[in-house]
Amino acid sequence: MKKLLSLTLALTLAVATGMAQSNKSVVYFTKEITPESLVRIYKALGVEATGRVAVKISTGEGGNNHYLKPTLIRNLVEEVNGTIVECNTAYGGTRQDVKKHWQTIHEHGFDSIAPVDIMDEYGQMRIPMQDKKHLLYDIVGDHLANYDFMINLAHFKGHAMGGFGGVLKNASIGVASTAGKAYIHTAGKTDDVSKAWSKEYLAAGPTQDLFLESMAAAAQSVHNYMKGKVIYINVMNNMSVDCDCDGTPEAPQLKDMGILASLDPVAVDQACLDKVFSYKGSKGDDNKPLMARINRQHGTYITDYAESIGLGSKKYVIINLDE
């Protein structure tokens, strides 16, 4: 059985290599959402996470129950001997204050499975931007410097401001410090949180597309800072129209779809978007609310812009690990 599995994986990787040479990014897919399938899809990527490994997740706002559970991610984190990493938020709630954030991490059980690091707990740092259309630099938790490799483990779902959240959001807003989040949300106008959310500033703030462009550019900044030593995984479960950052999210109306992974963040987010938009929904399994949320915020534009600045490609091929 082990030999058969090894031969199957080798064949899959050979096919993937051929597809990559055809200028299409490879995205792996499995319908199975289990601790074992997360490890399996990580191994299918063919890149070993070595050195000090950061596993970037969302720890979930207090009151939210849709985040990726410790029981789901534990095997993968242990497989890579990883540290779960997060940064503080910029909108109040249970995760902007460090003490409350640690309490939320504990209540959600993450500190019971692995070391956890709030990367901006003690400070922040600026890292270079490749695309400087809006941001002159990216402001991230200074503990990012402590890691050699990152597993961007994102929960794909809706988002009130971005339309949807996947690996691009997890790399940009997710790795940014509190001030960095304000800087991205305002497309480089201010890193002062109190100003960013003031009524006066919101009324005169940047257009939605400028925010999405800033997120894409910040995701590229983190990718470059890690010297490309990042793998990207989206888990398509509990797909509410609201983000894990919402303490009172709407109940998901779309059934779970699976896990997708790639070395290309643009391709894996695009593949998830395509799955949602091409899905034939039915009663009790409705993709329309999530589509409406994404469209309301012009959310699909982030992959357009990310591709235009060279972060990745929207052209991809799916390798189904279940076949």
Protein backbone atom coordinates (compact mmCIF):
# COMPACT_ATOMS: atom_id res chain seq x y z
CA MET A 1 0.00 0.00 0.00
CA LYS A 2 2.82 2.43 0.90
CA LYS A 3 4.56 1.69 -2.41
CA LEU A 4 1.31 2.33 -4.28
CA LEU A 5 0.81 5.65 -2.52
CA SER A 6 4.42 6.64 -3.24
CA LEU A 7 4.02 5.79 -6.92
CA THR A 8 0.73 7.72 -7.09
CA LEU A 9 2.33 10.79 -5.51
CA ALA A 10 5.34 10.54 -7.82
CA LEU A 11 3.05 10.36 -10.85
CA THR A 12 1.01 13.32 -9.59
CA LEU A 13 4.16 15.39 -9.12
CA ALA A 14 5.39 14.44 -12.59
CA VAL A 15 2.11 15.58 -14.12
CA ALA A 16 2.23 18.78 -12.07
CA THR A 17 5.75 19.52 -13.28
CA GLY A 18 4.60 19.19 -16.86
CA MET A 19 1.67 21.53 -16.24
CA ALA A 20 3.94 24.09 -14.57
CA GLN A 21 6.12 24.08 -17.66
CA SER A 22 3.03 25.01 -19.72
CA ASN A 23 2.92 28.39 -17.90
CA LYS A 24 0.00 27.43 -15.70
CA SER A 25 0.36 27.38 -11.95
CA VAL A 26 -0.40 24.09 -10.23
CA VAL A 27 -3.15 24.01 -7.61
CA TYR A 28 -3.74 20.82 -5.66
CA PHE A 29 -7.23 19.95 -4.47
CA THR A 30 -8.94 17.47 -2.18
CA LYS A 31 -12.57 17.38 -1.12
CA GLU A 32 -11.53 15.78 2.15
CA ILE A 33 -11.18 18.27 5.02
CA THR A 34 -9.36 16.32 7.72
CA PRO A 35 -6.09 16.62 9.66
CA GLU A 36 -4.67 13.86 7.46
CA SER A 37 -5.65 15.54 4.19
CA LEU A 38 -3.98 18.78 5.26
CA VAL A 39 -0.70 16.92 5.69
CA ARG A 40 -1.26 15.08 2.42
CA ILE A 41 -1.82 18.25 0.39
CA TYR A 42 1.21 19.90 2.01
CA LYS A 43 3.38 16.94 0.96
CA ALA A 44 1.94 16.99 -2.56
CA LEU A 45 3.40 20.47 -3.07
CA GLY A 46 6.84 18.88 -2.99
CA VAL A 47 8.48 21.66 -0.98
CA GLU A 48 9.69 20.85 2.51
CA ALA A 49 9.14 23.46 5.20
CA THR A 50 12.54 23.71 6.88
CA GLY A 51 14.19 25.84 9.53
CA ARG A 52 12.00 27.93 11.79
CA VAL A 53 8.51 27.49 10.35
CA ALA A 54 5.70 30.00 10.88
CA VAL A 55 2.17 28.68 10.35
CA LYS A 56 0.09 31.81 9.72
CA ILE A 57 -3.57 31.39 10.65
CA SER A 58 -6.39 33.54 11.96
CA THR A 59 -7.00 32.79 15.63
CA GLY A 60 -10.60 33.98 15.25
CA GLU A 61 -12.43 36.76 17.03
CA GLY A 62 -14.03 35.97 20.38
CA GLY A 63 -17.55 34.71 19.72
CA ASN A 64 -16.67 33.41 16.26
CA ASN A 65 -16.74 29.65 15.74
CA HIS A 66 -15.86 29.39 12.04
CA TYR A 67 -12.05 29.67 12.24
CA LEU A 68 -9.81 26.70 11.44
CA LYS A 69 -9.91 24.54 14.54
CA PRO A 70 -6.80 23.33 16.39
CA THR A 71 -7.98 19.75 15.92
CA LEU A 72 -7.91 20.26 12.14
CA ILE A 73 -4.51 21.92 11.85
CA ARG A 74 -2.61 20.11 14.60
CA ASN A 75 -1.14 17.31 12.44
CA LEU A 76 0.22 19.75 9.89
CA VAL A 77 1.73 22.04 12.52
CA GLU A 78 3.40 19.06 14.17
CA GLU A 79 4.59 17.69 10.81
CA VAL A 80 6.62 20.86 10.18
CA ASN A 81 7.49 21.51 13.84
CA GLY A 82 5.83 24.87 13.33
CA THR A 83 4.92 27.88 15.43
CA ILE A 84 1.42 29.29 15.02
CA VAL A 85 1.76 33.00 14.24
CA GLU A 86 -0.70 35.88 14.28
CA CYS A 87 -0.77 39.67 14.62
CA ASN A 88 -3.06 41.97 16.53
CA THR A 89 -6.10 43.50 14.87
CA ALA A 90 -6.93 47.16 14.29
CA TYR A 91 -10.63 47.40 15.09
CA GLY A 92 -11.03 46.77 18.81
CA GLY A 93 -12.69 43.48 19.70
CA THR A 94 -10.89 40.67 21.50
CA ARG A 95 -7.65 40.69 19.50
CA GLN A 96 -6.38 44.28 19.28
CA ASP A 97 -5.24 44.31 22.90
CA VAL A 98 -2.40 41.80 23.44
CA LYS A 99 -3.74 40.49 26.75
CA LYS A 100 -7.22 39.90 25.31
CA HIS A 101 -5.69 38.34 22.20
CA TRP A 102 -3.76 35.81 24.29
CA GLN A 103 -6.97 35.03 26.18
CA THR A 104 -8.77 34.41 22.88
CA ILE A 105 -5.92 32.20 21.64
CA HIS A 106 -6.21 30.16 24.82
CA GLU A 107 -10.00 29.94 24.70
CA HIS A 108 -9.83 28.75 21.10
CA GLY A 109 -7.28 26.11 22.02
CA PHE A 110 -4.33 27.02 19.82
CA ASP A 111 -1.78 27.19 22.63
CA SER A 112 -2.65 23.60 23.53
CA ILE A 113 -1.29 22.19 20.25
CA ALA A 114 1.84 24.23 19.49
CA PRO A 115 3.87 27.31 20.39
CA VAL A 116 2.03 30.53 19.47
CA ASP A 117 3.62 33.87 18.59
CA ILE A 118 1.75 37.18 18.30
CA MET A 119 4.37 38.66 16.00
CA ASP A 120 3.70 42.31 16.82
CA GLU A 121 3.35 41.79 20.58
CA TYR A 122 6.63 43.59 21.28
CA GLY A 123 7.12 45.69 18.16
CA GLN A 124 6.85 46.11 14.44
CA MET A 125 9.16 46.68 11.49
CA ARG A 126 9.02 47.97 7.96
CA ILE A 127 9.82 45.67 5.06
CA PRO A 128 10.38 46.70 1.43
CA MET A 129 7.67 47.00 -1.21
CA GLN A 130 8.09 45.91 -4.80
CA ASP A 131 4.95 47.74 -5.87
CA LYS A 132 4.94 51.27 -4.42
CA LYS A 133 1.80 52.60 -6.06
CA HIS A 134 0.20 53.22 -2.64
CA LEU A 135 2.47 51.86 0.11
CA LEU A 136 6.08 52.92 0.54
CA TYR A 137 6.70 49.94 2.83
CA ASP A 138 4.81 47.20 4.65
CA ILE A 139 4.50 47.38 8.44
CA VAL A 140 4.58 43.89 9.96
CA GLY A 141 5.13 42.25 13.31
CA ASP A 142 8.87 42.34 13.98
CA HIS A 143 8.91 38.64 14.93
CA LEU A 144 8.50 37.85 11.24
CA ALA A 145 12.28 38.14 11.15
CA ASN A 146 12.51 35.05 13.39
CA TYR A 147 11.22 32.66 10.71
CA ASP A 148 12.78 30.97 7.70
CA PHE A 149 9.65 29.54 6.12
CA MET A 150 5.92 30.27 6.19
CA ILE A 151 2.88 28.09 5.71
CA ASN A 152 0.07 30.49 4.87
CA LEU A 153 -2.88 28.47 6.14
CA ALA A 154 -5.99 30.46 5.35
CA HIS A 155 -9.69 29.93 5.91
CA PHE A 156 -11.46 30.88 2.67
CA LYS A 157 -14.70 32.76 3.41
CA GLY A 158 -16.38 36.13 2.93
CA HIS A 159 -15.18 39.42 4.34
CA ALA A 160 -17.06 42.65 5.02
CA MET A 161 -14.37 44.93 3.57
CA GLY A 162 -12.36 42.76 1.17
CA GLY A 163 -15.28 40.74 -0.18
CA PHE A 164 -13.48 37.52 0.62
CA GLY A 165 -10.52 36.37 2.64
CA GLY A 166 -8.01 33.82 1.41
CA VAL A 167 -4.24 33.52 1.30
CA LEU A 168 -3.71 37.02 -0.14
CA LYS A 169 -5.54 38.61 2.77
CA ASN A 170 -3.82 36.27 5.23
CA ALA A 171 -0.41 37.38 3.92
CA SER A 172 -1.20 41.09 3.84
CA ILE A 173 -3.66 42.17 6.54
CA GLY A 174 -2.86 39.01 8.50
CA VAL A 175 0.89 39.62 8.81
CA ALA A 176 0.59 43.39 9.23
CA SER A 177 0.84 44.90 12.70
CA THR A 178 -2.05 46.96 14.07
CA ALA A 179 -0.55 50.09 12.50
CA GLY A 180 0.23 48.16 9.32
CA LYS A 181 -3.39 47.14 8.99
CA ALA A 182 -4.46 50.79 9.17
CA TYR A 183 -1.80 51.66 6.57
CA ILE A 184 -3.11 49.02 4.14
CA HIS A 185 -6.79 49.81 4.73
CA THR A 186 -6.17 53.48 3.95
CA ALA A 187 -3.97 52.71 0.93
CA GLY A 188 -0.96 54.37 2.53
CA LYS A 189 -2.66 57.51 3.83
CA THR A 190 -2.09 56.85 7.55
CA ASP A 191 -0.89 54.20 9.97
CA ASP A 192 -2.75 55.87 12.84
CA VAL A 193 -5.61 53.54 13.79
CA SER A 194 -7.67 56.28 15.43
CA LYS A 195 -7.55 58.34 12.23
CA ALA A 196 -8.12 55.39 9.91
CA TRP A 197 -11.50 54.55 11.43
CA SER A 198 -12.69 58.10 12.15
CA LYS A 199 -15.91 59.19 10.44
CA GLU A 200 -14.14 62.11 8.82
CA TYR A 201 -11.42 59.93 7.35
CA LEU A 202 -13.74 57.14 6.26
CA ALA A 203 -15.81 59.69 4.37
CA ALA A 204 -12.74 60.90 2.48
CA GLY A 205 -10.80 57.62 2.44
CA PRO A 206 -9.50 55.66 -0.56
CA THR A 207 -11.70 53.85 -3.05
CA GLN A 208 -12.26 50.13 -2.62
CA ASP A 209 -9.94 49.23 -5.48
CA LEU A 210 -7.04 51.15 -3.92
CA PHE A 211 -7.49 49.12 -0.73
CA LEU A 212 -7.48 45.88 -2.70
CA GLU A 213 -4.38 46.97 -4.61
CA SER A 214 -2.67 47.76 -1.31
CA MET A 215 -3.53 44.31 0.05
CA ALA A 216 -2.09 42.63 -3.04
CA ALA A 217 1.09 44.70 -2.81
CA ALA A 218 1.50 43.92 0.90
CA ALA A 219 1.07 40.19 0.21
CA GLN A 220 3.84 40.46 -2.38
CA SER A 221 6.02 42.27 0.15
CA VAL A 222 5.71 39.41 2.64
CA HIS A 223 6.31 36.80 -0.08
CA ASN A 224 9.48 38.60 -1.17
CA TYR A 225 10.67 39.11 2.40
CA MET A 226 10.41 35.35 2.94
CA LYS A 227 12.41 34.90 -0.30
CA GLY A 228 9.57 32.89 -1.74
CA LYS A 229 9.80 30.29 1.02
CA VAL A 230 6.03 30.23 1.45
CA ILE A 231 3.36 27.69 0.64
CA TYR A 232 -0.28 28.68 0.36
CA ILE A 233 -3.26 26.63 1.54
CA ASN A 234 -6.95 27.60 1.49
CA VAL A 235 -9.48 25.57 3.48
CA MET A 236 -12.98 26.01 2.05
CA ASN A 237 -15.16 25.19 5.05
CA ASN A 238 -17.62 27.17 7.18
CA MET A 239 -17.85 29.69 4.34
CA SER A 240 -19.88 32.45 5.95
CA VAL A 241 -20.21 35.78 4.18
CA ASP A 242 -18.41 37.16 7.24
CA CYS A 243 -14.77 36.83 8.21
CA ASP A 244 -13.28 35.07 11.23
CA CYS A 245 -12.60 38.60 12.48
CA ASP A 246 -16.35 39.05 13.03
CA GLY A 247 -17.52 38.07 16.52
CA THR A 248 -21.11 37.52 15.32
CA PRO A 249 -20.83 36.07 11.81
CA GLU A 250 -23.71 34.97 9.62
CA ALA A 251 -24.23 31.23 9.46
CA PRO A 252 -22.66 29.62 6.36
CA GLN A 253 -25.19 28.89 3.62
CA LEU A 254 -22.72 27.12 1.32
CA LYS A 255 -21.53 23.61 2.06
CA ASP A 256 -17.84 22.81 2.56
CA MET A 257 -15.88 22.29 -0.66
CA GLY A 258 -12.40 21.09 0.28
CA ILE A 259 -8.77 22.16 0.55
CA LEU A 260 -6.66 23.81 -2.16
CA ALA A 261 -2.91 24.44 -2.06
CA SER A 262 -0.27 25.96 -4.31
CA LEU A 263 3.08 27.69 -4.39
CA ASP A 264 1.23 30.51 -6.19
CA PRO A 265 -1.03 32.63 -3.96
CA VAL A 266 -2.86 34.24 -6.87
CA ALA A 267 -3.68 30.89 -8.44
CA VAL A 268 -5.01 29.30 -5.25
CA ASP A 269 -7.25 32.28 -4.39
CA GLN A 270 -8.47 32.41 -8.00
CA ALA A 271 -9.21 28.69 -7.97
CA CYS A 272 -11.33 29.13 -4.83
CA LEU A 273 -13.19 32.06 -6.36
CA ASP A 274 -13.87 30.02 -9.49
CA LYS A 275 -15.23 27.15 -7.40
CA VAL A 276 -17.64 29.48 -5.61
CA PHE A 277 -18.80 31.32 -8.75
CA SER A 278 -19.18 28.22 -10.93
CA TYR A 279 -20.97 26.18 -8.27
CA LYS A 280 -24.54 25.09 -8.98
CA GLY A 281 -26.20 25.75 -5.66
CA SER A 282 -29.39 24.29 -4.29
CA LYS A 283 -31.68 24.73 -1.33
CA GLY A 284 -29.56 24.52 1.81
CA ASP A 285 -26.36 24.77 -0.24
CA ASP A 286 -26.44 28.28 -1.67
CA ASN A 287 -23.42 30.09 -3.15
CA LYS A 288 -25.38 33.26 -3.97
CA PRO A 289 -24.89 35.06 -0.61
CA LEU A 290 -21.11 34.63 -0.73
CA MET A 291 -21.03 35.67 -4.40
CA ALA A 292 -23.05 38.77 -3.55
CA ARG A 293 -20.68 39.70 -0.71
CA ILE A 294 -17.63 39.29 -2.97
CA ASN A 295 -19.25 41.29 -5.79
CA ARG A 296 -20.40 44.05 -3.44
CA GLN A 297 -16.77 44.75 -2.51
CA HIS A 298 -15.34 44.07 -6.00
CA GLY A 299 -13.36 41.37 -4.21
CA THR A 300 -12.23 39.52 -7.32
CA TYR A 301 -10.12 42.54 -8.32
CA ILE A 302 -7.40 41.56 -5.84
CA THR A 303 -6.31 38.60 -7.95
CA ASP A 304 -6.34 40.79 -11.08
CA TYR A 305 -4.03 43.31 -9.48
CA ALA A 306 -1.83 40.72 -7.77
CA GLU A 307 -1.25 39.10 -11.15
CA SER A 308 -0.49 42.46 -12.78
CA ILE A 309 2.32 43.18 -10.29
CA GLY A 310 3.88 39.76 -10.78
CA LEU A 311 2.89 38.01 -7.55
CA GLY A 312 1.41 35.04 -9.40
CA SER A 313 -0.88 33.90 -12.18
CA LYS A 314 -4.63 33.51 -12.52
CA LYS A 315 -3.97 30.72 -15.01
CA TYR A 316 -3.83 27.40 -13.22
CA VAL A 317 -4.48 23.70 -13.50
CA ILE A 318 -6.12 21.66 -10.76
CA ILE A 319 -4.48 18.41 -9.65
CA ASN A 320 -7.17 16.40 -7.87
CA LEU A 321 -5.56 14.27 -5.15
CA ASP A 322 -8.78 12.27 -4.74
CA GLU A 323 -8.52 10.71 -8.20
